[in-house]
Amino acid sequence: GQQGYDDEYPQHVVDLSPFYISQFEVTNQLWDQVMQWAIARPDKSLAERSNYTYQFDSMEYVDVAIIANAYRKLQIAVDDYNDNPSDRNRSEYDKKLAALNSAIAKRDAKVLEIEEYRNSNPNFPINYVSWSDAAKWCNAYSEMTGRTPVYYVDRGLAGVYRTSKKDSLVDLENGYVKWYADGFRLPTESEWEKAARGGLDGKLYTTGDTLNSDLENIGSTDGQ
């Protein structure tokens, strides 16, 4: 039977240009080092700094759906109370407000936990990163190391992608990417698969058609 999702089939041959890929995932320490540089831009004069600084917004995505849902329920309760200021509707409003505040408090605690985890595990891979922050970080790493950035905000490749409002890069097109630049970028799906296969073609796993349970990172895997 089919293993995997419908959009992963049918298997087919893909020709790839040669590419380099990092041997290891980006560590918490490297992520932070590049991010701090990107936010401060010590390489620029004070006068021009504001035009080159980066903004990262990954932490705004933590529990965002839960908070949006709680806020929506509160809005309904507010409307109901405005239509009919009964004791019952007032009680519902109080409950929904408390639920929203609780969701925000939990999110804030989670963000703190993520940041503490990063600080105490400098050599572990970075996590809780939005796709847009990953693209911006690649650009920052490129600029920090004197390479040409890969991601831009326009088809003319004039504006380097350094800041974003939430979700603004979801529709990034091929035309916004300088594929031939020597800067850092995320691997394409095919490049990632080629690297992840570890040299094996037509096999289910990097170990062949069977998976050694010691190597699984699924189900009840603890931590990173």
N, C-alpha and C. Protein backbone atom coordinates (compact mmCIF):
# COMPACT_ATOMS: atom_id res chain seq x y z
N GLY A 1 0.81 -1.20 0.00
CA GLY A 1 0.00 0.00 0.00
C GLY A 1 0.85 1.26 0.00
N GLN A 2 0.19 2.35 -0.24
CA GLN A 2 0.88 3.65 -0.30
C GLN A 2 1.30 4.09 1.09
N GLN A 3 2.58 4.50 1.21
CA GLN A 3 3.06 5.08 2.47
C GLN A 3 3.35 6.55 2.21
N GLY A 4 2.76 7.41 3.02
CA GLY A 4 2.96 8.85 2.82
C GLY A 4 1.68 9.52 2.38
N TYR A 5 1.79 10.80 2.06
CA TYR A 5 0.62 11.61 1.71
C TYR A 5 0.38 11.61 0.21
N ASP A 6 -0.85 11.94 -0.18
CA ASP A 6 -1.22 11.94 -1.61
C ASP A 6 -0.34 12.88 -2.42
N ASP A 7 0.03 14.05 -1.81
CA ASP A 7 0.81 15.01 -2.59
C ASP A 7 2.29 14.63 -2.69
N GLU A 8 2.64 13.46 -2.14
CA GLU A 8 4.02 12.96 -2.26
C GLU A 8 4.13 11.89 -3.36
N TYR A 9 3.03 11.64 -4.05
CA TYR A 9 2.99 10.62 -5.09
C TYR A 9 2.58 11.24 -6.41
N PRO A 10 2.86 10.62 -7.59
CA PRO A 10 3.68 9.41 -7.69
C PRO A 10 5.18 9.75 -7.60
N GLN A 11 5.98 8.76 -7.19
CA GLN A 11 7.43 8.97 -7.20
C GLN A 11 7.89 9.17 -8.63
N HIS A 12 8.82 10.10 -8.82
CA HIS A 12 9.32 10.35 -10.17
C HIS A 12 10.75 10.88 -10.07
N VAL A 13 11.46 10.81 -11.17
CA VAL A 13 12.85 11.27 -11.20
C VAL A 13 12.89 12.78 -11.35
N VAL A 14 13.75 13.42 -10.55
CA VAL A 14 13.94 14.87 -10.63
C VAL A 14 15.43 15.14 -10.86
N ASP A 15 15.74 15.91 -11.90
CA ASP A 15 17.14 16.28 -12.17
C ASP A 15 17.47 17.54 -11.37
N LEU A 16 18.59 17.49 -10.64
CA LEU A 16 18.99 18.63 -9.82
C LEU A 16 20.33 19.18 -10.27
N SER A 17 20.46 20.50 -10.22
CA SER A 17 21.78 21.10 -10.40
C SER A 17 22.59 20.79 -9.14
N PRO A 18 23.93 20.77 -9.25
CA PRO A 18 24.74 20.55 -8.04
C PRO A 18 24.46 21.63 -6.99
N PHE A 19 24.49 21.27 -5.73
CA PHE A 19 24.25 22.26 -4.67
C PHE A 19 25.03 21.86 -3.42
N TYR A 20 25.33 22.87 -2.62
CA TYR A 20 25.93 22.63 -1.31
C TYR A 20 24.84 22.71 -0.26
N ILE A 21 24.94 21.87 0.77
CA ILE A 21 23.99 21.95 1.88
C ILE A 21 24.77 21.75 3.18
N SER A 22 24.36 22.48 4.20
CA SER A 22 25.06 22.39 5.48
C SER A 22 24.98 20.97 6.02
N GLN A 23 26.05 20.51 6.62
CA GLN A 23 26.08 19.14 7.15
C GLN A 23 25.17 19.01 8.38
N PHE A 24 25.01 20.10 9.12
CA PHE A 24 24.22 20.06 10.35
C PHE A 24 23.12 21.12 10.31
N GLU A 25 22.09 20.89 11.12
CA GLU A 25 21.03 21.89 11.25
C GLU A 25 21.59 23.13 11.96
N VAL A 26 20.93 24.26 11.75
CA VAL A 26 21.36 25.51 12.40
C VAL A 26 21.15 25.37 13.91
N THR A 27 22.20 25.68 14.67
CA THR A 27 22.11 25.55 16.14
C THR A 27 21.49 26.80 16.75
N ASN A 28 21.02 26.65 17.99
CA ASN A 28 20.48 27.80 18.73
C ASN A 28 21.50 28.92 18.81
N GLN A 29 22.76 28.55 19.05
CA GLN A 29 23.82 29.53 19.22
C GLN A 29 24.06 30.33 17.94
N LEU A 30 24.14 29.63 16.80
CA LEU A 30 24.38 30.31 15.53
C LEU A 30 23.19 31.19 15.16
N TRP A 31 21.99 30.64 15.36
CA TRP A 31 20.77 31.41 15.06
C TRP A 31 20.80 32.73 15.83
N ASP A 32 21.09 32.66 17.13
CA ASP A 32 21.07 33.85 17.97
C ASP A 32 22.17 34.83 17.57
N GLN A 33 23.34 34.31 17.29
CA GLN A 33 24.48 35.16 16.91
C GLN A 33 24.15 35.98 15.65
N VAL A 34 23.60 35.31 14.65
CA VAL A 34 23.25 35.99 13.39
C VAL A 34 22.08 36.95 13.62
N MET A 35 21.08 36.52 14.40
CA MET A 35 19.90 37.35 14.64
C MET A 35 20.29 38.66 15.35
N GLN A 36 21.15 38.55 16.39
CA GLN A 36 21.57 39.75 17.12
C GLN A 36 22.32 40.72 16.20
N TRP A 37 23.16 40.17 15.35
CA TRP A 37 23.90 41.00 14.39
C TRP A 37 22.92 41.70 13.44
N ALA A 38 21.92 40.93 12.98
CA ALA A 38 20.96 41.45 11.99
C ALA A 38 20.09 42.56 12.57
N ILE A 39 19.74 42.42 13.85
CA ILE A 39 18.90 43.43 14.50
C ILE A 39 19.69 44.71 14.76
N ALA A 40 20.98 44.56 15.08
CA ALA A 40 21.82 45.71 15.44
C ALA A 40 22.54 46.34 14.24
N ARG A 41 22.91 45.53 13.23
CA ARG A 41 23.68 45.95 12.06
C ARG A 41 24.89 46.83 12.43
N PRO A 42 25.81 46.26 13.22
CA PRO A 42 27.00 47.02 13.63
C PRO A 42 27.91 47.39 12.46
N ASP A 43 27.67 46.78 11.28
CA ASP A 43 28.50 47.06 10.11
C ASP A 43 28.10 48.36 9.41
N LYS A 44 26.96 48.94 9.83
CA LYS A 44 26.46 50.16 9.17
C LYS A 44 26.63 51.37 10.09
N SER A 45 26.73 52.56 9.48
CA SER A 45 26.82 53.78 10.28
C SER A 45 25.47 54.04 10.94
N LEU A 46 25.48 54.83 12.00
CA LEU A 46 24.23 55.13 12.73
C LEU A 46 23.18 55.72 11.79
N ALA A 47 23.61 56.56 10.86
CA ALA A 47 22.69 57.24 9.96
C ALA A 47 21.95 56.26 9.05
N GLU A 48 22.63 55.21 8.58
CA GLU A 48 22.01 54.30 7.62
C GLU A 48 21.49 53.01 8.25
N ARG A 49 21.76 52.84 9.53
CA ARG A 49 21.44 51.57 10.20
C ARG A 49 19.97 51.16 10.07
N SER A 50 19.08 52.12 10.26
CA SER A 50 17.64 51.79 10.26
C SER A 50 17.17 51.23 8.92
N ASN A 51 17.90 51.53 7.84
CA ASN A 51 17.51 51.01 6.51
C ASN A 51 17.95 49.57 6.29
N TYR A 52 18.77 49.04 7.19
CA TYR A 52 19.34 47.71 6.98
C TYR A 52 19.01 46.70 8.08
N THR A 53 18.37 47.16 9.15
CA THR A 53 18.10 46.25 10.27
C THR A 53 17.00 45.23 9.92
N TYR A 54 17.08 44.09 10.54
CA TYR A 54 16.12 43.00 10.33
C TYR A 54 15.08 42.98 11.46
N GLN A 55 13.93 42.43 11.15
CA GLN A 55 12.89 42.17 12.15
C GLN A 55 12.52 40.70 12.09
N PHE A 56 12.49 40.06 13.25
CA PHE A 56 12.10 38.64 13.32
C PHE A 56 10.82 38.52 14.15
N ASP A 57 9.90 37.66 13.70
CA ASP A 57 8.58 37.62 14.35
C ASP A 57 8.09 36.21 14.70
N SER A 58 9.02 35.25 14.79
CA SER A 58 8.60 33.85 15.03
C SER A 58 7.77 33.70 16.29
N MET A 59 8.12 34.44 17.35
CA MET A 59 7.42 34.25 18.62
C MET A 59 5.97 34.71 18.54
N GLU A 60 5.65 35.54 17.54
CA GLU A 60 4.25 35.97 17.36
C GLU A 60 3.38 34.82 16.84
N TYR A 61 4.01 33.77 16.34
CA TYR A 61 3.26 32.63 15.79
C TYR A 61 2.93 31.58 16.85
N VAL A 62 3.59 31.66 18.02
CA VAL A 62 3.37 30.65 19.06
C VAL A 62 1.92 30.72 19.54
N ASP A 63 1.22 29.61 19.46
CA ASP A 63 -0.18 29.50 19.90
C ASP A 63 -1.11 30.54 19.25
N VAL A 64 -0.75 31.03 18.08
CA VAL A 64 -1.52 32.12 17.47
C VAL A 64 -2.96 31.68 17.16
N ALA A 65 -3.15 30.42 16.77
CA ALA A 65 -4.51 29.95 16.44
C ALA A 65 -5.37 29.86 17.70
N ILE A 66 -4.77 29.42 18.80
CA ILE A 66 -5.50 29.28 20.07
C ILE A 66 -5.96 30.66 20.55
N ILE A 67 -5.07 31.64 20.47
CA ILE A 67 -5.40 32.99 20.94
C ILE A 67 -6.45 33.64 20.02
N ALA A 68 -6.31 33.41 18.73
CA ALA A 68 -7.29 33.97 17.78
C ALA A 68 -8.68 33.40 18.04
N ASN A 69 -8.73 32.11 18.37
CA ASN A 69 -10.01 31.44 18.67
C ASN A 69 -10.64 32.00 19.95
N ALA A 70 -9.80 32.20 20.96
CA ALA A 70 -10.29 32.75 22.25
C ALA A 70 -10.79 34.18 22.04
N TYR A 71 -10.09 34.94 21.21
CA TYR A 71 -10.48 36.32 20.94
C TYR A 71 -11.81 36.38 20.19
N ARG A 72 -11.96 35.45 19.23
CA ARG A 72 -13.21 35.38 18.45
C ARG A 72 -14.41 35.08 19.36
N LYS A 73 -14.20 34.16 20.29
CA LYS A 73 -15.28 33.82 21.23
C LYS A 73 -15.62 35.00 22.15
N LEU A 74 -14.60 35.75 22.54
CA LEU A 74 -14.83 36.94 23.36
C LEU A 74 -15.62 37.99 22.57
N GLN A 75 -15.28 38.16 21.31
CA GLN A 75 -15.97 39.14 20.46
C GLN A 75 -17.46 38.82 20.34
N ILE A 76 -17.77 37.52 20.21
CA ILE A 76 -19.17 37.08 20.15
C ILE A 76 -19.89 37.41 21.46
N ALA A 77 -19.19 37.15 22.58
CA ALA A 77 -19.77 37.43 23.90
C ALA A 77 -20.00 38.93 24.09
N VAL A 78 -19.09 39.75 23.59
CA VAL A 78 -19.24 41.22 23.68
C VAL A 78 -20.46 41.66 22.88
N ASP A 79 -20.59 41.13 21.66
CA ASP A 79 -21.73 41.49 20.81
C ASP A 79 -23.05 41.07 21.46
N ASP A 80 -23.05 39.85 22.03
CA ASP A 80 -24.28 39.36 22.71
C ASP A 80 -24.65 40.26 23.88
N TYR A 81 -23.65 40.69 24.63
CA TYR A 81 -23.91 41.54 25.81
C TYR A 81 -24.41 42.91 25.37
N ASN A 82 -23.84 43.45 24.29
CA ASN A 82 -24.29 44.76 23.79
C ASN A 82 -25.73 44.69 23.29
N ASP A 83 -26.09 43.54 22.68
CA ASP A 83 -27.47 43.35 22.21
C ASP A 83 -28.43 43.19 23.38
N ASN A 84 -27.97 42.48 24.40
CA ASN A 84 -28.83 42.19 25.56
C ASN A 84 -27.99 42.10 26.83
N PRO A 85 -27.86 43.23 27.57
CA PRO A 85 -27.00 43.25 28.76
C PRO A 85 -27.60 42.50 29.96
N SER A 86 -27.90 41.22 29.76
CA SER A 86 -28.45 40.42 30.86
C SER A 86 -27.31 39.90 31.74
N ASP A 87 -27.69 39.41 32.94
CA ASP A 87 -26.69 38.84 33.86
C ASP A 87 -26.01 37.64 33.21
N ARG A 88 -26.78 36.85 32.50
CA ARG A 88 -26.23 35.66 31.88
C ARG A 88 -25.18 36.04 30.82
N ASN A 89 -25.52 37.01 29.98
CA ASN A 89 -24.58 37.45 28.95
C ASN A 89 -23.34 38.12 29.55
N ARG A 90 -23.55 38.80 30.69
CA ARG A 90 -22.41 39.41 31.39
C ARG A 90 -21.47 38.31 31.92
N SER A 91 -22.06 37.26 32.44
CA SER A 91 -21.29 36.12 32.96
C SER A 91 -20.50 35.44 31.83
N GLU A 92 -21.14 35.27 30.68
CA GLU A 92 -20.47 34.67 29.51
C GLU A 92 -19.28 35.53 29.07
N TYR A 93 -19.52 36.85 29.06
CA TYR A 93 -18.45 37.79 28.69
C TYR A 93 -17.26 37.64 29.65
N ASP A 94 -17.54 37.59 30.95
CA ASP A 94 -16.47 37.45 31.96
C ASP A 94 -15.68 36.16 31.74
N LYS A 95 -16.41 35.09 31.44
CA LYS A 95 -15.76 33.78 31.22
C LYS A 95 -14.84 33.83 29.99
N LYS A 96 -15.36 34.40 28.92
CA LYS A 96 -14.57 34.44 27.67
C LYS A 96 -13.35 35.37 27.81
N LEU A 97 -13.50 36.44 28.58
CA LEU A 97 -12.37 37.34 28.82
C LEU A 97 -11.29 36.62 29.63
N ALA A 98 -11.73 35.88 30.65
CA ALA A 98 -10.79 35.11 31.48
C ALA A 98 -10.08 34.06 30.63
N ALA A 99 -10.81 33.42 29.71
CA ALA A 99 -10.22 32.39 28.84
C ALA A 99 -9.16 32.99 27.92
N LEU A 100 -9.45 34.19 27.38
CA LEU A 100 -8.47 34.85 26.52
C LEU A 100 -7.22 35.22 27.30
N ASN A 101 -7.41 35.79 28.49
CA ASN A 101 -6.26 36.17 29.32
C ASN A 101 -5.42 34.97 29.70
N SER A 102 -6.09 33.85 29.96
CA SER A 102 -5.39 32.61 30.30
C SER A 102 -4.58 32.11 29.10
N ALA A 103 -5.16 32.17 27.91
CA ALA A 103 -4.46 31.73 26.69
C ALA A 103 -3.23 32.59 26.44
N ILE A 104 -3.36 33.90 26.66
CA ILE A 104 -2.22 34.82 26.47
C ILE A 104 -1.12 34.52 27.49
N ALA A 105 -1.53 34.28 28.73
CA ALA A 105 -0.54 33.97 29.79
C ALA A 105 0.21 32.68 29.48
N LYS A 106 -0.53 31.67 28.98
CA LYS A 106 0.10 30.39 28.62
C LYS A 106 1.07 30.59 27.47
N ARG A 107 0.67 31.39 26.48
CA ARG A 107 1.54 31.68 25.34
C ARG A 107 2.83 32.37 25.81
N ASP A 108 2.67 33.36 26.69
CA ASP A 108 3.85 34.10 27.19
C ASP A 108 4.80 33.17 27.94
N ALA A 109 4.22 32.25 28.71
CA ALA A 109 5.04 31.29 29.46
C ALA A 109 5.77 30.35 28.50
N LYS A 110 5.09 29.96 27.42
CA LYS A 110 5.68 29.07 26.42
C LYS A 110 6.84 29.76 25.70
N VAL A 111 6.64 31.03 25.37
CA VAL A 111 7.70 31.81 24.70
C VAL A 111 8.93 31.88 25.60
N LEU A 112 8.69 32.12 26.88
CA LEU A 112 9.80 32.18 27.85
C LEU A 112 10.53 30.84 27.91
N GLU A 113 9.74 29.76 27.90
CA GLU A 113 10.29 28.40 27.95
C GLU A 113 11.16 28.13 26.72
N ILE A 114 10.67 28.55 25.54
CA ILE A 114 11.41 28.37 24.30
C ILE A 114 12.74 29.12 24.37
N GLU A 115 12.69 30.36 24.86
CA GLU A 115 13.91 31.18 24.92
C GLU A 115 14.91 30.61 25.93
N GLU A 116 14.39 30.12 27.06
CA GLU A 116 15.27 29.50 28.06
C GLU A 116 15.90 28.22 27.52
N TYR A 117 15.10 27.45 26.79
CA TYR A 117 15.60 26.21 26.17
C TYR A 117 16.73 26.53 25.20
N ARG A 118 16.54 27.55 24.40
CA ARG A 118 17.57 27.94 23.43
C ARG A 118 18.87 28.34 24.14
N ASN A 119 18.73 29.14 25.19
CA ASN A 119 19.91 29.62 25.91
C ASN A 119 20.66 28.49 26.60
N SER A 120 19.92 27.50 27.11
CA SER A 120 20.58 26.44 27.87
C SER A 120 21.04 25.27 26.99
N ASN A 121 20.66 25.28 25.70
CA ASN A 121 21.09 24.22 24.78
C ASN A 121 21.66 24.83 23.50
N PRO A 122 22.82 25.50 23.60
CA PRO A 122 23.36 26.24 22.46
C PRO A 122 23.65 25.37 21.24
N ASN A 123 23.96 24.09 21.43
CA ASN A 123 24.33 23.24 20.30
C ASN A 123 23.18 22.41 19.73
N PHE A 124 21.96 22.60 20.28
CA PHE A 124 20.80 21.89 19.75
C PHE A 124 20.23 22.66 18.55
N PRO A 125 19.50 21.98 17.66
CA PRO A 125 18.93 22.69 16.51
C PRO A 125 17.85 23.69 16.91
N ILE A 126 17.81 24.81 16.21
CA ILE A 126 16.79 25.83 16.47
C ILE A 126 15.41 25.26 16.14
N ASN A 127 14.41 25.66 16.91
CA ASN A 127 13.03 25.26 16.58
C ASN A 127 12.08 26.44 16.84
N TYR A 128 10.80 26.23 16.60
CA TYR A 128 9.80 27.30 16.69
C TYR A 128 10.20 28.50 15.84
N VAL A 129 10.54 28.23 14.59
CA VAL A 129 10.93 29.30 13.67
C VAL A 129 9.89 29.38 12.54
N SER A 130 9.39 30.57 12.27
CA SER A 130 8.45 30.73 11.15
C SER A 130 9.23 30.62 9.84
N TRP A 131 8.51 30.27 8.78
CA TRP A 131 9.17 30.14 7.48
C TRP A 131 9.78 31.48 7.05
N SER A 132 9.05 32.56 7.27
CA SER A 132 9.55 33.87 6.85
C SER A 132 10.80 34.26 7.64
N ASP A 133 10.86 33.91 8.93
CA ASP A 133 12.06 34.20 9.72
C ASP A 133 13.25 33.38 9.22
N ALA A 134 12.99 32.14 8.80
CA ALA A 134 14.08 31.30 8.28
C ALA A 134 14.67 31.93 7.02
N ALA A 135 13.80 32.46 6.14
CA ALA A 135 14.28 33.11 4.92
C ALA A 135 15.07 34.37 5.25
N LYS A 136 14.55 35.17 6.19
CA LYS A 136 15.25 36.41 6.58
C LYS A 136 16.59 36.08 7.23
N TRP A 137 16.60 35.05 8.06
CA TRP A 137 17.84 34.66 8.75
C TRP A 137 18.90 34.26 7.72
N CYS A 138 18.51 33.52 6.69
CA CYS A 138 19.45 33.15 5.63
C CYS A 138 20.06 34.40 4.99
N ASN A 139 19.20 35.40 4.73
CA ASN A 139 19.71 36.65 4.16
C ASN A 139 20.68 37.34 5.11
N ALA A 140 20.34 37.34 6.39
CA ALA A 140 21.21 37.99 7.39
C ALA A 140 22.56 37.27 7.47
N TYR A 141 22.53 35.95 7.47
CA TYR A 141 23.77 35.16 7.51
C TYR A 141 24.62 35.46 6.27
N SER A 142 23.94 35.63 5.13
CA SER A 142 24.65 35.98 3.90
C SER A 142 25.33 37.34 4.05
N GLU A 143 24.58 38.32 4.50
CA GLU A 143 25.14 39.67 4.63
C GLU A 143 26.26 39.72 5.66
N MET A 144 26.08 38.98 6.76
CA MET A 144 27.07 38.97 7.82
C MET A 144 28.40 38.37 7.35
N THR A 145 28.32 37.43 6.41
CA THR A 145 29.53 36.74 5.94
C THR A 145 30.00 37.25 4.58
N GLY A 146 29.44 38.40 4.14
CA GLY A 146 29.89 39.01 2.91
C GLY A 146 29.42 38.33 1.64
N ARG A 147 28.31 37.60 1.73
CA ARG A 147 27.74 36.95 0.55
C ARG A 147 26.54 37.73 0.03
N THR A 148 26.05 37.37 -1.14
CA THR A 148 24.90 38.05 -1.74
C THR A 148 23.60 37.42 -1.25
N PRO A 149 22.68 38.21 -0.68
CA PRO A 149 21.40 37.65 -0.22
C PRO A 149 20.61 37.00 -1.36
N VAL A 150 19.78 36.04 -1.01
CA VAL A 150 19.03 35.26 -2.00
C VAL A 150 17.57 35.71 -2.11
N TYR A 151 16.96 36.14 -0.98
CA TYR A 151 15.52 36.45 -0.97
C TYR A 151 15.25 37.96 -1.05
N TYR A 152 14.30 38.32 -1.93
CA TYR A 152 13.98 39.73 -2.15
C TYR A 152 12.47 39.96 -2.05
N VAL A 153 12.07 41.24 -2.01
CA VAL A 153 10.65 41.55 -1.84
C VAL A 153 9.99 41.96 -3.15
N ASP A 154 10.73 41.86 -4.25
CA ASP A 154 10.18 42.27 -5.54
C ASP A 154 10.82 41.48 -6.68
N ARG A 155 10.17 41.53 -7.83
CA ARG A 155 10.69 40.81 -9.00
C ARG A 155 11.97 41.42 -9.53
N GLY A 156 12.19 42.70 -9.26
CA GLY A 156 13.40 43.36 -9.73
C GLY A 156 14.61 43.03 -8.87
N LEU A 157 14.40 42.25 -7.81
CA LEU A 157 15.47 41.86 -6.88
C LEU A 157 16.24 43.08 -6.36
N ALA A 158 15.48 44.16 -6.07
CA ALA A 158 16.11 45.39 -5.59
C ALA A 158 16.08 45.46 -4.06
N GLY A 159 14.98 45.02 -3.47
CA GLY A 159 14.83 45.13 -2.01
C GLY A 159 15.13 43.81 -1.32
N VAL A 160 16.19 43.79 -0.51
CA VAL A 160 16.54 42.57 0.25
C VAL A 160 15.45 42.32 1.30
N TYR A 161 15.04 41.08 1.41
CA TYR A 161 13.98 40.72 2.37
C TYR A 161 14.55 40.71 3.79
N ARG A 162 14.20 41.75 4.57
CA ARG A 162 14.72 41.86 5.94
C ARG A 162 13.63 41.98 7.00
N THR A 163 12.46 42.43 6.62
CA THR A 163 11.38 42.59 7.61
C THR A 163 10.10 42.04 7.01
N SER A 164 9.17 41.68 7.88
CA SER A 164 7.89 41.18 7.37
C SER A 164 6.79 41.44 8.36
N LYS A 165 5.62 41.72 7.82
CA LYS A 165 4.43 41.63 8.64
C LYS A 165 4.04 40.16 8.58
N LYS A 166 3.28 39.72 9.55
CA LYS A 166 2.93 38.30 9.62
C LYS A 166 2.32 37.82 8.29
N ASP A 167 2.79 36.68 7.83
CA ASP A 167 2.27 36.01 6.63
C ASP A 167 2.61 36.72 5.30
N SER A 168 3.47 37.74 5.33
CA SER A 168 3.67 38.50 4.10
C SER A 168 4.49 37.75 3.06
N LEU A 169 5.16 36.66 3.44
CA LEU A 169 6.00 35.96 2.47
C LEU A 169 5.38 34.66 1.99
N VAL A 170 4.13 34.43 2.36
CA VAL A 170 3.49 33.17 1.99
C VAL A 170 3.46 33.00 0.47
N ASP A 171 3.28 34.09 -0.28
CA ASP A 171 3.17 34.01 -1.74
C ASP A 171 4.48 34.34 -2.44
N LEU A 172 5.60 34.09 -1.75
CA LEU A 172 6.91 34.33 -2.37
C LEU A 172 6.99 33.56 -3.68
N GLU A 173 7.36 34.25 -4.75
CA GLU A 173 7.43 33.61 -6.07
C GLU A 173 8.88 33.32 -6.43
N ASN A 174 9.06 32.43 -7.40
CA ASN A 174 10.42 32.13 -7.88
C ASN A 174 11.15 33.40 -8.32
N GLY A 175 10.38 34.36 -8.87
CA GLY A 175 10.96 35.59 -9.37
C GLY A 175 11.54 36.49 -8.29
N TYR A 176 11.24 36.18 -7.03
CA TYR A 176 11.76 37.00 -5.91
C TYR A 176 13.05 36.40 -5.34
N VAL A 177 13.50 35.32 -5.95
CA VAL A 177 14.66 34.58 -5.42
C VAL A 177 15.83 34.67 -6.39
N LYS A 178 16.98 35.08 -5.90
CA LYS A 178 18.19 35.15 -6.74
C LYS A 178 18.89 33.80 -6.62
N TRP A 179 18.44 32.86 -7.44
CA TRP A 179 18.90 31.47 -7.32
C TRP A 179 20.41 31.34 -7.54
N TYR A 180 20.98 32.21 -8.35
CA TYR A 180 22.40 32.09 -8.69
C TYR A 180 23.32 32.79 -7.68
N ALA A 181 22.74 33.44 -6.66
CA ALA A 181 23.56 34.15 -5.68
C ALA A 181 24.36 33.17 -4.83
N ASP A 182 25.47 33.65 -4.24
CA ASP A 182 26.31 32.76 -3.42
C ASP A 182 25.89 32.77 -1.95
N GLY A 183 24.76 33.42 -1.65
CA GLY A 183 24.28 33.50 -0.26
C GLY A 183 23.61 32.22 0.20
N PHE A 184 23.19 32.23 1.46
CA PHE A 184 22.53 31.07 2.06
C PHE A 184 21.03 31.10 1.77
N ARG A 185 20.45 29.92 1.59
CA ARG A 185 19.00 29.81 1.40
C ARG A 185 18.52 28.48 1.95
N LEU A 186 17.21 28.34 2.01
CA LEU A 186 16.62 27.06 2.39
C LEU A 186 16.72 26.11 1.20
N PRO A 187 16.89 24.81 1.45
CA PRO A 187 16.89 23.88 0.31
C PRO A 187 15.49 23.79 -0.29
N THR A 188 15.42 23.51 -1.59
CA THR A 188 14.13 23.22 -2.19
C THR A 188 13.68 21.84 -1.68
N GLU A 189 12.44 21.50 -1.95
CA GLU A 189 11.93 20.20 -1.50
C GLU A 189 12.78 19.06 -2.08
N SER A 190 13.12 19.18 -3.38
CA SER A 190 13.91 18.12 -4.04
C SER A 190 15.32 18.04 -3.48
N GLU A 191 15.92 19.21 -3.20
CA GLU A 191 17.26 19.22 -2.62
C GLU A 191 17.26 18.60 -1.23
N TRP A 192 16.24 18.95 -0.45
CA TRP A 192 16.14 18.39 0.90
C TRP A 192 16.01 16.87 0.82
N GLU A 193 15.15 16.39 -0.10
CA GLU A 193 14.96 14.94 -0.22
C GLU A 193 16.25 14.25 -0.64
N LYS A 194 16.96 14.84 -1.59
CA LYS A 194 18.23 14.26 -2.05
C LYS A 194 19.21 14.14 -0.88
N ALA A 195 19.32 15.21 -0.09
CA ALA A 195 20.24 15.19 1.04
C ALA A 195 19.77 14.22 2.12
N ALA A 196 18.46 14.22 2.37
CA ALA A 196 17.91 13.36 3.43
C ALA A 196 18.03 11.88 3.09
N ARG A 197 18.04 11.55 1.79
CA ARG A 197 18.17 10.16 1.39
C ARG A 197 19.56 9.60 1.66
N GLY A 198 20.51 10.48 1.85
CA GLY A 198 21.87 10.02 2.19
C GLY A 198 22.49 9.15 1.13
N GLY A 199 22.15 9.38 -0.14
CA GLY A 199 22.77 8.62 -1.21
C GLY A 199 21.96 7.43 -1.68
N LEU A 200 20.91 7.07 -0.95
CA LEU A 200 20.08 5.93 -1.36
C LEU A 200 18.91 6.41 -2.22
N ASP A 201 18.69 5.77 -3.36
CA ASP A 201 17.56 6.12 -4.22
C ASP A 201 16.50 5.02 -4.15
N GLY A 202 15.25 5.43 -4.24
CA GLY A 202 14.16 4.46 -4.33
C GLY A 202 13.90 3.68 -3.06
N LYS A 203 14.45 4.14 -1.93
CA LYS A 203 14.21 3.46 -0.65
C LYS A 203 13.28 4.31 0.21
N LEU A 204 12.62 3.64 1.15
CA LEU A 204 11.69 4.38 2.02
C LEU A 204 12.42 5.26 3.01
N TYR A 205 13.56 4.79 3.50
CA TYR A 205 14.28 5.50 4.55
C TYR A 205 15.76 5.64 4.20
N THR A 206 16.47 6.44 4.96
CA THR A 206 17.92 6.59 4.71
C THR A 206 18.66 5.32 5.08
N THR A 207 17.99 4.42 5.82
CA THR A 207 18.61 3.15 6.21
C THR A 207 18.20 2.01 5.28
N GLY A 208 17.40 2.31 4.26
CA GLY A 208 16.90 1.26 3.35
C GLY A 208 15.39 1.22 3.39
N ASP A 209 14.81 0.03 3.29
CA ASP A 209 13.35 -0.09 3.31
C ASP A 209 12.81 -0.33 4.72
N THR A 210 13.72 -0.52 5.68
CA THR A 210 13.27 -0.68 7.07
C THR A 210 13.92 0.42 7.91
N LEU A 211 13.25 0.78 8.98
CA LEU A 211 13.73 1.86 9.84
C LEU A 211 14.18 1.29 11.18
N ASN A 212 15.41 1.56 11.53
CA ASN A 212 15.93 1.15 12.84
C ASN A 212 15.23 1.98 13.91
N SER A 213 14.57 1.33 14.85
CA SER A 213 13.77 2.06 15.84
C SER A 213 14.61 3.02 16.69
N ASP A 214 15.93 2.78 16.78
CA ASP A 214 16.80 3.69 17.52
C ASP A 214 16.92 5.04 16.83
N LEU A 215 16.63 5.06 15.52
CA LEU A 215 16.80 6.28 14.74
C LEU A 215 15.50 7.04 14.51
N GLU A 216 14.39 6.47 14.97
CA GLU A 216 13.10 7.13 14.74
C GLU A 216 13.01 8.44 15.51
N ASN A 217 12.36 9.41 14.90
CA ASN A 217 12.08 10.67 15.60
C ASN A 217 10.59 10.95 15.46
N ILE A 218 9.79 9.96 15.89
CA ILE A 218 8.35 10.05 15.75
C ILE A 218 7.69 9.55 17.01
N GLY A 219 6.39 9.76 17.10
CA GLY A 219 5.63 9.21 18.22
C GLY A 219 6.08 9.71 19.57
N SER A 220 6.64 8.80 20.37
CA SER A 220 6.95 9.15 21.76
C SER A 220 8.38 9.66 21.95
N THR A 221 9.04 10.09 20.87
CA THR A 221 10.40 10.62 21.00
C THR A 221 10.42 11.75 22.01
N ASP A 222 11.38 11.71 22.92
CA ASP A 222 11.44 12.69 23.99
C ASP A 222 12.44 13.80 23.65
N GLY A 223 11.98 15.06 23.64
CA GLY A 223 12.91 16.17 23.44
C GLY A 223 13.35 16.31 22.00
N GLN A 224 14.57 16.76 21.82
CA GLN A 224 15.08 17.07 20.47
C GLN A 224 15.84 15.88 19.91
